[in-house]
Amino acid sequence: MPKSKVDTTARSLISTARDLYASLSFKRHGANHRFKGVYRSYSEALAAVPAQAFQGFDHKSVAEFFIDTHFVFQPADYPVLFWLSQILEPRQLLFDYGGGVGQSFYLYQNYLRFPEGMRWMVFDLEALVEAGRRLGEEKKAQGLGFTTNFHDAQDATILLTTGALHYIEPDLSASLAELPKAPKHVLVNRVPMYEGEPYYTVQHSEHSFVPNKIMNLDAFVLSMQKLNYEKVDQWYLPRSVRIPFHPECFVSSYRGFYFRLKDDPSARSR
């Protein structure tokens, strides 16, 4: 057998073995950030979560997990810090979409000088919001607030979402389209996207099982452009998504973006 064919066969066997191990160990405790299955919708992915498994983020234990583990600054946040340093102004409202217990507020203030009167509002699920409020009271956090109502973003100048967009239904553009006023700046960070067909999968994190939305890169950018946003910047982050037995769904990197509302008298702007 030619060496090239031997190498191809060996790679195929190794790939199959890796996928088989990932699939069989998917439910194992401590199997952090493993993925399984390809589905057409959020509801299909949710239905595929293992029976009796701990689902989603809206739990007190998940909020405690966030407090214990998410207060570590990630180098992947440097692009966000750069753009915030350019656009932060006094008395602005920053809407932190899927902001957990407010971890980005605490971490970023170590690197940025927040302008006078700036407000930071975190939107998330009830369990995370309750824990975030308690933590804010303990830390006497000035300017930090919480909400479970997305329409509170209508007064925001900046919408920030980091590491959360792929867990949220509906799409960001659909939610933004419902606001009477659009945020002038939108910063999106740490989201898995690729050039293929969009799909859903099930992710096993340390705290729970949750549907994960994998978006098409071009479709996402186009959806923002249709709302009169221009893409100012885009970056890549070294993290991937590999679905066992679905090599066509491989996501080689996570993405980040900075969008700015165009100056158009007919556009919704502040």
Protein backbone atom coordinates (compact mmCIF):
# COMPACT_ATOMS: atom_id res chain seq x y z
CA MET A 1 0.00 0.00 0.00
CA PRO A 2 1.45 3.43 -0.93
CA LYS A 3 2.63 5.55 1.99
CA SER A 4 0.15 8.31 1.17
CA LYS A 5 -2.74 5.88 1.43
CA VAL A 6 -1.37 4.49 4.70
CA ASP A 7 -1.13 8.02 6.11
CA THR A 8 -4.69 8.80 5.02
CA THR A 9 -6.01 5.61 6.58
CA ALA A 10 -4.13 6.28 9.81
CA ARG A 11 -5.50 9.81 10.05
CA SER A 12 -9.01 8.53 9.42
CA LEU A 13 -8.68 5.92 12.17
CA ILE A 14 -7.30 8.47 14.61
CA SER A 15 -10.13 10.89 13.81
CA THR A 16 -12.76 8.18 14.27
CA ALA A 17 -11.23 7.09 17.57
CA ARG A 18 -11.14 10.69 18.80
CA ASP A 19 -14.77 11.24 17.83
CA LEU A 20 -15.85 7.98 19.45
CA TYR A 21 -14.10 8.90 22.70
CA ALA A 22 -15.62 12.41 22.69
CA SER A 23 -19.08 11.00 22.05
CA LEU A 24 -18.87 8.32 24.73
CA SER A 25 -17.42 10.68 27.34
CA PHE A 26 -19.83 13.53 26.58
CA LYS A 27 -21.90 13.05 29.75
CA ARG A 28 -18.94 12.32 32.00
CA HIS A 29 -18.61 14.66 34.98
CA GLY A 30 -15.89 17.21 34.32
CA ALA A 31 -16.13 16.84 30.54
CA ASN A 32 -15.90 20.59 30.09
CA HIS A 33 -16.79 22.25 26.77
CA ARG A 34 -17.64 19.09 24.89
CA PHE A 35 -20.22 19.10 22.11
CA LYS A 36 -22.55 16.51 20.65
CA GLY A 37 -25.12 16.43 17.87
CA VAL A 38 -26.15 18.75 15.04
CA TYR A 39 -29.69 20.15 15.09
CA ARG A 40 -31.81 22.53 13.03
CA SER A 41 -33.29 24.53 15.91
CA TYR A 42 -32.83 25.53 19.52
CA SER A 43 -35.82 23.41 20.53
CA GLU A 44 -34.36 20.31 18.85
CA ALA A 45 -31.06 20.81 20.64
CA LEU A 46 -32.84 21.34 23.95
CA ALA A 47 -34.80 18.13 23.45
CA ALA A 48 -31.50 16.30 22.88
CA VAL A 49 -30.08 17.25 26.29
CA PRO A 50 -29.51 13.99 28.20
CA ALA A 51 -32.42 12.91 30.40
CA GLN A 52 -32.16 14.01 34.05
CA ALA A 53 -29.23 16.27 33.12
CA PHE A 54 -28.79 19.68 34.71
CA GLN A 55 -29.94 22.12 32.02
CA GLY A 56 -29.21 25.75 31.24
CA PHE A 57 -27.92 28.71 33.24
CA ASP A 58 -30.90 29.82 35.30
CA HIS A 59 -29.81 28.16 38.55
CA LYS A 60 -28.34 29.44 41.80
CA SER A 61 -25.49 26.93 41.53
CA VAL A 62 -24.55 28.26 38.07
CA ALA A 63 -24.47 31.81 39.42
CA GLU A 64 -22.17 30.64 42.22
CA PHE A 65 -20.00 28.89 39.62
CA PHE A 66 -19.70 32.18 37.71
CA ILE A 67 -18.62 34.03 40.85
CA ASP A 68 -16.04 31.34 41.64
CA THR A 69 -14.55 31.03 38.15
CA HIS A 70 -15.37 34.00 35.89
CA PHE A 71 -13.42 36.75 37.63
CA VAL A 72 -10.24 36.05 35.68
CA PHE A 73 -9.35 38.42 32.87
CA GLN A 74 -8.97 36.77 29.46
CA PRO A 75 -6.53 38.09 26.84
CA ALA A 76 -9.37 37.63 24.33
CA ASP A 77 -10.99 40.71 25.90
CA TYR A 78 -8.20 43.10 24.85
CA PRO A 79 -9.94 44.11 21.59
CA VAL A 80 -13.04 45.03 23.59
CA LEU A 81 -10.95 47.05 26.02
CA PHE A 82 -9.35 48.92 23.13
CA TRP A 83 -12.66 49.91 21.54
CA LEU A 84 -14.26 50.79 24.86
CA SER A 85 -11.34 53.10 25.54
CA GLN A 86 -12.25 54.94 22.31
CA ILE A 87 -16.02 55.22 22.76
CA LEU A 88 -16.75 55.51 26.49
CA GLU A 89 -18.20 58.89 27.46
CA PRO A 90 -19.67 60.42 30.62
CA ARG A 91 -23.28 59.54 31.53
CA GLN A 92 -23.56 56.79 28.94
CA LEU A 93 -25.49 53.60 29.48
CA LEU A 94 -23.62 50.41 28.56
CA PHE A 95 -25.92 47.39 28.20
CA ASP A 96 -24.09 44.14 28.98
CA TYR A 97 -26.13 41.53 27.08
CA GLY A 98 -25.76 38.16 28.80
CA GLY A 99 -23.35 39.69 31.29
CA GLY A 100 -23.72 37.06 34.00
CA VAL A 101 -23.11 38.44 37.49
CA GLY A 102 -21.35 41.55 36.16
CA GLN A 103 -17.91 40.01 35.87
CA SER A 104 -16.88 42.18 32.92
CA PHE A 105 -17.73 45.34 34.88
CA TYR A 106 -15.39 44.32 37.69
CA LEU A 107 -12.61 43.05 35.42
CA TYR A 108 -12.61 45.92 32.94
CA GLN A 109 -12.45 48.63 35.56
CA ASN A 110 -8.96 47.36 36.38
CA TYR A 111 -7.87 48.43 32.88
CA LEU A 112 -10.18 51.33 32.02
CA ARG A 113 -11.13 54.56 33.71
CA PHE A 114 -14.92 54.61 33.64
CA PRO A 115 -16.21 58.11 32.80
CA GLU A 116 -18.19 60.12 35.32
CA GLY A 117 -21.81 59.11 35.51
CA MET A 118 -21.45 56.09 33.23
CA ARG A 119 -23.96 53.33 33.96
CA TRP A 120 -23.37 49.64 33.33
CA MET A 121 -26.50 47.50 33.11
CA VAL A 122 -26.29 43.70 32.97
CA PHE A 123 -29.05 41.73 31.25
CA ASP A 124 -29.30 38.03 32.07
CA LEU A 125 -31.43 35.26 33.56
CA GLU A 126 -33.08 35.69 36.95
CA ALA A 127 -30.69 33.49 38.96
CA LEU A 128 -27.63 35.33 37.62
CA VAL A 129 -29.24 38.74 38.06
CA GLU A 130 -30.16 38.01 41.68
CA ALA A 131 -26.63 36.84 42.45
CA GLY A 132 -25.17 39.84 40.63
CA ARG A 133 -27.27 42.27 42.63
CA ARG A 134 -26.20 40.69 45.92
CA LEU A 135 -22.56 40.79 44.84
CA GLY A 136 -22.90 44.42 43.77
CA GLU A 137 -24.27 45.35 47.17
CA GLU A 138 -21.41 43.56 48.89
CA LYS A 139 -18.82 45.28 46.71
CA LYS A 140 -20.67 48.64 46.79
CA ALA A 141 -20.38 48.75 43.00
CA GLN A 142 -21.17 52.24 41.76
CA GLY A 143 -23.09 52.53 38.49
CA LEU A 144 -23.76 48.78 38.14
CA GLY A 145 -27.34 47.61 37.65
CA PHE A 146 -29.17 44.47 36.53
CA THR A 147 -32.27 43.63 34.51
CA THR A 148 -34.08 40.69 32.96
CA ASN A 149 -35.84 42.97 30.42
CA PHE A 150 -34.01 43.41 27.11
CA HIS A 151 -36.03 46.53 26.30
CA ASP A 152 -34.02 48.36 28.96
CA ALA A 153 -31.36 48.52 26.24
CA GLN A 154 -33.35 51.23 24.42
CA ASP A 155 -31.49 53.96 26.33
CA ALA A 156 -28.05 52.42 25.80
CA THR A 157 -25.30 54.00 23.74
CA ILE A 158 -23.20 50.83 23.84
CA LEU A 159 -24.34 47.21 23.71
CA LEU A 160 -21.67 44.73 24.79
CA THR A 161 -22.00 40.96 24.65
CA THR A 162 -19.08 38.72 25.45
CA GLY A 163 -19.13 34.93 25.54
CA ALA A 164 -22.93 34.79 25.60
CA LEU A 165 -24.52 35.39 22.20
CA HIS A 166 -24.45 31.74 21.12
CA TYR A 167 -26.58 30.74 24.11
CA ILE A 168 -29.32 33.32 23.53
CA GLU A 169 -32.46 33.10 21.44
CA PRO A 170 -33.51 35.00 19.33
CA ASP A 171 -30.73 36.36 17.10
CA LEU A 172 -29.13 39.64 18.16
CA SER A 173 -30.36 41.51 15.07
CA ALA A 174 -33.95 40.45 15.74
CA SER A 175 -33.75 41.73 19.31
CA LEU A 176 -32.14 45.01 18.26
CA ALA A 177 -34.83 45.56 15.62
CA GLU A 178 -37.47 45.64 18.37
CA LEU A 179 -35.87 48.59 20.17
CA PRO A 180 -37.26 52.07 19.50
CA LYS A 181 -33.68 53.39 19.64
CA ALA A 182 -30.65 51.45 18.48
CA PRO A 183 -27.38 51.52 20.46
CA LYS A 184 -24.81 53.51 18.53
CA HIS A 185 -22.06 50.97 19.28
CA VAL A 186 -22.29 47.16 19.41
CA LEU A 187 -19.37 45.06 20.65
CA VAL A 188 -19.61 41.29 20.20
CA ASN A 189 -16.90 39.00 21.56
CA ARG A 190 -16.08 35.31 22.05
CA VAL A 191 -18.76 33.82 19.78
CA PRO A 192 -18.32 30.67 17.64
CA MET A 193 -18.92 31.37 13.94
CA TYR A 194 -17.82 29.85 10.67
CA GLU A 195 -18.46 29.93 6.91
CA GLY A 196 -20.80 26.92 6.76
CA GLU A 197 -24.48 26.30 7.38
CA PRO A 198 -25.75 27.50 10.78
CA TYR A 199 -26.71 24.81 13.27
CA TYR A 200 -27.31 24.05 16.92
CA THR A 201 -25.50 21.59 19.11
CA VAL A 202 -25.54 20.54 22.77
CA GLN A 203 -22.66 21.72 24.93
CA HIS A 204 -21.58 20.14 28.20
CA SER A 205 -19.97 22.74 30.42
CA GLU A 206 -18.77 22.17 33.94
CA HIS A 207 -22.02 23.47 35.38
CA SER A 208 -24.74 22.18 33.00
CA PHE A 209 -25.86 21.07 29.54
CA VAL A 210 -27.07 23.81 27.20
CA PRO A 211 -27.97 24.34 23.51
CA ASN A 212 -25.24 26.19 21.63
CA LYS A 213 -25.94 28.16 18.45
CA ILE A 214 -23.27 28.12 15.74
CA MET A 215 -23.82 31.05 13.38
CA ASN A 216 -22.76 31.68 9.81
CA LEU A 217 -20.24 34.52 9.80
CA ASP A 218 -21.43 36.33 6.67
CA ALA A 219 -25.11 35.99 7.59
CA PHE A 220 -24.46 37.50 11.02
CA VAL A 221 -22.61 40.50 9.59
CA LEU A 222 -25.31 40.99 6.94
CA SER A 223 -28.04 40.93 9.59
CA MET A 224 -26.29 43.81 11.37
CA GLN A 225 -25.74 45.73 8.15
CA LYS A 226 -29.47 45.53 7.42
CA LEU A 227 -29.99 47.47 10.66
CA ASN A 228 -27.69 50.20 9.31
CA TYR A 229 -24.61 49.10 11.25
CA GLU A 230 -21.18 49.13 9.67
CA LYS A 231 -18.52 46.62 10.66
CA VAL A 232 -15.60 48.63 11.99
CA ASP A 233 -13.44 45.77 13.23
CA GLN A 234 -13.34 41.98 13.42
CA TRP A 235 -10.97 39.64 15.26
CA TYR A 236 -10.33 35.93 15.74
CA LEU A 237 -9.91 34.06 19.01
CA PRO A 238 -8.04 30.73 19.51
CA ARG A 239 -10.89 28.45 20.47
CA SER A 240 -12.69 25.84 18.38
CA VAL A 241 -15.83 23.68 18.25
CA ARG A 242 -15.54 20.09 17.12
CA ILE A 243 -18.68 17.96 16.81
CA PRO A 244 -17.99 14.19 16.85
CA PHE A 245 -18.68 12.58 13.45
CA HIS A 246 -19.50 15.96 11.85
CA PRO A 247 -16.23 17.29 10.39
CA GLU A 248 -18.18 19.63 8.10
CA CYS A 249 -19.37 21.51 11.20
CA PHE A 250 -15.89 22.23 12.59
CA VAL A 251 -15.46 25.80 13.86
CA SER A 252 -11.81 26.77 13.81
CA SER A 253 -12.08 29.94 15.89
CA TYR A 254 -14.37 32.19 17.88
CA ARG A 255 -14.99 35.74 16.63
CA GLY A 256 -15.32 39.28 17.84
CA PHE A 257 -16.74 42.41 16.20
CA TYR A 258 -17.21 46.12 16.63
CA PHE A 259 -20.25 47.55 14.80
CA ARG A 260 -21.15 51.23 14.66
CA LEU A 261 -24.47 52.71 13.60
CA LYS A 262 -24.06 54.72 10.43
CA ASP A 263 -24.74 58.43 10.48
CA ASP A 264 -28.00 58.43 8.55
CA PRO A 265 -30.82 60.91 9.25
CA SER A 266 -33.37 58.20 8.43
CA ALA A 267 -31.72 55.63 10.74
CA ARG A 268 -32.69 54.97 14.33
CA SER A 269 -29.88 56.71 16.18
CA ARG A 270 -29.40 58.89 19.19
